[in-house]
Amino acid sequence: MARIHGRRPSPVATRGSTFGPESRLNEERCGLMDRLLSIVEASEVLGTGERFVRRLVAERRIPYHHVGKYVRFRLSDVEAFVSAGRVEALR
């Protein structure tokens, strides 16, 4: 094992890394990679204000993720929310 500055590398560094181009390709193949949007970006996609998106989160009407202290939305979840609200025309 190669030593860096007199310390042993972490076990994570010696195994296959979960980051980098290889993992990104695997995620794309599996369909797991989806862009995460902030509240501002989600409100722009929905064409609404930030306050509306925050209310959707508080009422748990839209799926979201916590990334540390931040709230993030998958683009596909926002698009699904829009599609679920579609009302067909009568004629």
C-alpha atoms as a PDB file:
ATOM      1  CA  MET A   1       0.000   0.000   0.000  1.00  0.00           C
ATOM      2  CA  ALA A   2       1.222   3.429  -0.866  1.00  0.00           C
ATOM      3  CA  ARG A   3       1.599   5.822   2.012  1.00  0.00           C
ATOM      4  CA  ILE A   4       0.639   9.437   1.725  1.00  0.00           C
ATOM      5  CA  HIS A   5       2.510  11.744   4.113  1.00  0.00           C
ATOM      6  CA  GLY A   6       3.326   8.837   6.399  1.00  0.00           C
ATOM      7  CA  ARG A   7      -0.296   7.747   6.862  1.00  0.00           C
ATOM      8  CA  ARG A   8      -2.057   4.739   5.495  1.00  0.00           C
ATOM      9  CA  PRO A   9      -4.759   5.508   2.923  1.00  0.00           C
ATOM     10  CA  SER A  10      -8.304   5.070   4.090  1.00  0.00           C
ATOM     11  CA  PRO A  11     -10.056   1.793   3.222  1.00  0.00           C
ATOM     12  CA  VAL A  12     -12.441   3.718   1.004  1.00  0.00           C
ATOM     13  CA  ALA A  13      -9.555   5.026  -1.091  1.00  0.00           C
ATOM     14  CA  THR A  14      -8.147   1.528  -1.605  1.00  0.00           C
ATOM     15  CA  ARG A  15     -11.428   0.024  -2.781  1.00  0.00           C
ATOM     16  CA  GLY A  16     -13.404   1.117  -5.808  1.00  0.00           C
ATOM     17  CA  SER A  17     -14.557   4.650  -5.264  1.00  0.00           C
ATOM     18  CA  THR A  18     -18.263   5.486  -5.345  1.00  0.00           C
ATOM     19  CA  PHE A  19     -17.455   8.789  -7.011  1.00  0.00           C
ATOM     20  CA  GLY A  20     -16.030   9.574 -10.397  1.00  0.00           C
ATOM     21  CA  PRO A  21     -16.847   8.793 -13.998  1.00  0.00           C
ATOM     22  CA  GLU A  22     -17.223   5.035 -13.477  1.00  0.00           C
ATOM     23  CA  SER A  23     -19.961   5.367 -10.857  1.00  0.00           C
ATOM     24  CA  ARG A  24     -21.678   8.090 -12.868  1.00  0.00           C
ATOM     25  CA  LEU A  25     -21.860   5.758 -15.879  1.00  0.00           C
ATOM     26  CA  ASN A  26     -23.300   2.971 -13.721  1.00  0.00           C
ATOM     27  CA  GLU A  27     -25.942   5.320 -12.296  1.00  0.00           C
ATOM     28  CA  GLU A  28     -26.919   6.461 -15.787  1.00  0.00           C
ATOM     29  CA  ARG A  29     -27.255   2.847 -16.914  1.00  0.00           C
ATOM     30  CA  CYS A  30     -29.458   2.023 -13.930  1.00  0.00           C
ATOM     31  CA  GLY A  31     -31.528   5.185 -14.371  1.00  0.00           C
ATOM     32  CA  LEU A  32     -30.665   6.395 -10.874  1.00  0.00           C
ATOM     33  CA  MET A  33     -29.054   9.660 -11.865  1.00  0.00           C
ATOM     34  CA  ASP A  34     -31.498  12.520 -11.723  1.00  0.00           C
ATOM     35  CA  ARG A  35     -30.743  16.194 -11.306  1.00  0.00           C
ATOM     36  CA  LEU A  36     -31.439  17.589  -7.845  1.00  0.00           C
ATOM     37  CA  LEU A  37     -33.148  20.970  -7.757  1.00  0.00           C
ATOM     38  CA  SER A  38     -33.128  23.596  -5.036  1.00  0.00           C
ATOM     39  CA  ILE A  39     -36.335  25.264  -3.877  1.00  0.00           C
ATOM     40  CA  VAL A  40     -35.653  28.207  -6.198  1.00  0.00           C
ATOM     41  CA  GLU A  41     -35.027  25.921  -9.186  1.00  0.00           C
ATOM     42  CA  ALA A  42     -38.117  23.810  -8.431  1.00  0.00           C
ATOM     43  CA  SER A  43     -40.231  26.969  -8.231  1.00  0.00           C
ATOM     44  CA  GLU A  44     -38.882  28.033 -11.629  1.00  0.00           C
ATOM     45  CA  VAL A  45     -39.760  24.634 -13.146  1.00  0.00           C
ATOM     46  CA  LEU A  46     -43.252  24.846 -11.656  1.00  0.00           C
ATOM     47  CA  GLY A  47     -43.635  28.501 -12.583  1.00  0.00           C
ATOM     48  CA  THR A  48     -44.552  29.436  -9.013  1.00  0.00           C
ATOM     49  CA  GLY A  49     -42.982  31.236  -6.088  1.00  0.00           C
ATOM     50  CA  GLU A  50     -40.660  29.761  -3.492  1.00  0.00           C
ATOM     51  CA  ARG A  51     -43.359  30.033  -0.849  1.00  0.00           C
ATOM     52  CA  PHE A  52     -45.623  27.614  -2.757  1.00  0.00           C
ATOM     53  CA  VAL A  53     -42.839  25.019  -3.002  1.00  0.00           C
ATOM     54  CA  ARG A  54     -42.103  25.387   0.721  1.00  0.00           C
ATOM     55  CA  ARG A  55     -45.811  24.823   1.425  1.00  0.00           C
ATOM     56  CA  LEU A  56     -45.765  21.660  -0.726  1.00  0.00           C
ATOM     57  CA  VAL A  57     -42.886  20.390   1.410  1.00  0.00           C
ATOM     58  CA  ALA A  58     -44.583  21.309   4.692  1.00  0.00           C
ATOM     59  CA  GLU A  59     -47.774  19.532   3.589  1.00  0.00           C
ATOM     60  CA  ARG A  60     -45.713  16.621   2.186  1.00  0.00           C
ATOM     61  CA  ARG A  61     -47.449  16.906  -1.169  1.00  0.00           C
ATOM     62  CA  ILE A  62     -44.216  16.507  -3.164  1.00  0.00           C
ATOM     63  CA  PRO A  63     -41.320  14.082  -2.603  1.00  0.00           C
ATOM     64  CA  TYR A  64     -38.099  15.707  -1.436  1.00  0.00           C
ATOM     65  CA  HIS A  65     -34.658  14.856  -0.072  1.00  0.00           C
ATOM     66  CA  HIS A  66     -32.599  16.351   2.711  1.00  0.00           C
ATOM     67  CA  VAL A  67     -29.006  16.922   1.651  1.00  0.00           C
ATOM     68  CA  GLY A  68     -27.518  18.017   4.930  1.00  0.00           C
ATOM     69  CA  LYS A  69     -29.613  20.988   5.964  1.00  0.00           C
ATOM     70  CA  TYR A  70     -30.843  21.667   2.427  1.00  0.00           C
ATOM     71  CA  VAL A  71     -34.062  20.492   0.789  1.00  0.00           C
ATOM     72  CA  ARG A  72     -33.673  19.150  -2.738  1.00  0.00           C
ATOM     73  CA  PHE A  73     -36.080  17.749  -5.329  1.00  0.00           C
ATOM     74  CA  ARG A  74     -35.512  15.293  -8.135  1.00  0.00           C
ATOM     75  CA  LEU A  75     -36.428  16.757 -11.493  1.00  0.00           C
ATOM     76  CA  SER A  76     -38.481  13.635 -12.255  1.00  0.00           C
ATOM     77  CA  ASP A  77     -40.472  14.091  -9.004  1.00  0.00           C
ATOM     78  CA  VAL A  78     -41.291  17.695  -9.906  1.00  0.00           C
ATOM     79  CA  GLU A  79     -42.352  16.618 -13.399  1.00  0.00           C
ATOM     80  CA  ALA A  80     -44.483  13.810 -11.901  1.00  0.00           C
ATOM     81  CA  PHE A  81     -46.145  16.338  -9.576  1.00  0.00           C
ATOM     82  CA  VAL A  82     -47.059  18.473 -12.588  1.00  0.00           C
ATOM     83  CA  SER A  83     -48.360  15.440 -14.508  1.00  0.00           C
ATOM     84  CA  ALA A  84     -50.459  14.279 -11.549  1.00  0.00           C
ATOM     85  CA  GLY A  85     -52.293  17.607 -11.547  1.00  0.00           C
ATOM     86  CA  ARG A  86     -53.338  17.317 -15.184  1.00  0.00           C
ATOM     87  CA  VAL A  87     -57.076  17.604 -15.817  1.00  0.00           C
ATOM     88  CA  GLU A  88     -58.382  16.316 -19.135  1.00  0.00           C
ATOM     89  CA  ALA A  89     -60.704  18.436 -21.248  1.00  0.00           C
ATOM     90  CA  LEU A  90     -64.365  17.404 -21.437  1.00  0.00           C
ATOM     91  CA  ARG A  91     -64.542  17.708 -25.215  1.00  0.00           C
END
